[in-house]
Amino acid sequence: MSINTTSHHLPATPSPLMQRHVLQRVEETLLRRFEGTVTAETVRSVVREVVADLKRGARITTFLPALAEREATRRLQAATPAHEAMAVAA
């Protein structure tokens, strides 16, 4: 008796539709988080720039949204006046 097996590996490239949806959620999260400190256009621009930078060197894009959120957050924090004031005080 043989048992049929299948590969349960995730695809190296997720669905483009799903990835767009997740990146849209990342953008919305960052818009709420930085509301009042950074303009909405700046948030959108930073997210687009980070995604483009990451895609350029990516062979596997499964974790692209998580990496993009982390890097965009870092860049936006560096651009906020509160962060600049803390850097000067240190």
Protein backbone atom coordinates (compact mmCIF):
# COMPACT_ATOMS: atom_id res chain seq x y z
CA MET A 1 0.00 0.00 0.00
CA SER A 2 1.40 3.39 -0.90
CA ILE A 3 0.56 6.72 0.62
CA ASN A 4 0.14 9.70 -1.63
CA THR A 5 2.12 12.67 -0.45
CA THR A 6 2.15 16.23 -1.59
CA SER A 7 4.55 19.06 -1.11
CA HIS A 8 3.30 21.56 1.45
CA HIS A 9 5.85 24.23 0.68
CA LEU A 10 4.71 27.80 0.43
CA PRO A 11 5.34 29.46 -2.92
CA ALA A 12 8.48 31.60 -3.10
CA THR A 13 6.37 34.40 -4.53
CA PRO A 14 3.02 35.14 -2.90
CA SER A 15 -0.02 36.19 -4.87
CA PRO A 16 0.47 39.75 -6.21
CA LEU A 17 -3.11 40.59 -5.19
CA MET A 18 -2.53 39.43 -1.61
CA GLN A 19 0.79 41.24 -1.42
CA ARG A 20 -0.81 44.51 -2.62
CA HIS A 21 -3.52 44.09 0.01
CA VAL A 22 -1.02 43.50 2.81
CA LEU A 23 1.15 46.44 1.72
CA GLN A 24 -1.96 48.62 1.66
CA ARG A 25 -2.63 47.59 5.27
CA VAL A 26 0.97 48.42 6.19
CA GLU A 27 0.52 51.87 4.66
CA GLU A 28 -2.75 52.42 6.56
CA THR A 29 -1.10 51.36 9.82
CA LEU A 30 1.79 53.77 9.31
CA LEU A 31 -0.59 56.59 8.33
CA ARG A 32 -2.38 56.17 11.67
CA ARG A 33 0.84 55.80 13.61
CA PHE A 34 2.48 58.94 12.20
CA GLU A 35 -0.67 61.07 11.89
CA GLY A 36 0.12 64.62 12.94
CA THR A 37 3.89 64.18 12.77
CA VAL A 38 4.49 63.29 9.12
CA THR A 39 2.30 64.11 6.12
CA ALA A 40 0.26 61.34 4.53
CA GLU A 41 2.10 61.88 1.24
CA THR A 42 5.44 61.41 3.00
CA VAL A 43 4.26 58.13 4.53
CA ARG A 44 3.02 56.86 1.15
CA SER A 45 6.22 57.95 -0.56
CA VAL A 46 8.45 56.27 2.02
CA VAL A 47 6.46 53.01 1.82
CA ARG A 48 6.67 53.00 -2.01
CA GLU A 49 10.40 53.76 -1.89
CA VAL A 50 11.10 51.02 0.65
CA VAL A 51 9.07 48.45 -1.28
CA ALA A 52 10.92 49.33 -4.50
CA ASP A 53 14.29 49.08 -2.73
CA LEU A 54 13.43 45.68 -1.24
CA LYS A 55 11.96 44.27 -4.46
CA ARG A 56 15.08 45.23 -6.38
CA GLY A 57 17.22 42.77 -4.45
CA ALA A 58 14.64 40.15 -3.47
CA ARG A 59 14.56 36.62 -4.79
CA ILE A 60 11.84 35.59 -2.36
CA THR A 61 9.17 38.17 -1.54
CA THR A 62 7.17 36.28 1.06
CA PHE A 63 8.22 38.55 3.92
CA LEU A 64 8.44 41.76 1.90
CA PRO A 65 5.49 43.47 3.67
CA ALA A 66 6.93 42.82 7.14
CA LEU A 67 10.38 44.01 6.12
CA ALA A 68 8.89 47.04 4.36
CA GLU A 69 6.90 48.00 7.45
CA ARG A 70 9.97 47.75 9.67
CA GLU A 71 12.20 49.80 7.34
CA ALA A 72 9.52 52.41 6.58
CA THR A 73 8.90 52.83 10.32
CA ARG A 74 12.61 53.34 10.90
CA ARG A 75 12.83 55.96 8.14
CA LEU A 76 9.70 57.78 9.28
CA GLN A 77 10.87 57.85 12.89
CA ALA A 78 14.15 59.35 11.73
CA ALA A 79 12.19 62.06 9.90
CA THR A 80 10.04 63.12 12.86
CA PRO A 81 10.90 66.26 14.83
CA ALA A 82 10.65 64.40 18.17
CA HIS A 83 13.26 61.90 17.02
CA GLU A 84 15.55 64.71 15.83
CA ALA A 85 15.22 66.48 19.19
CA MET A 86 16.16 63.28 21.04
CA ALA A 87 19.19 62.79 18.79
CA VAL A 88 20.39 66.35 19.51
CA ALA A 89 19.89 65.92 23.27
CA ALA A 90 21.91 62.70 23.33
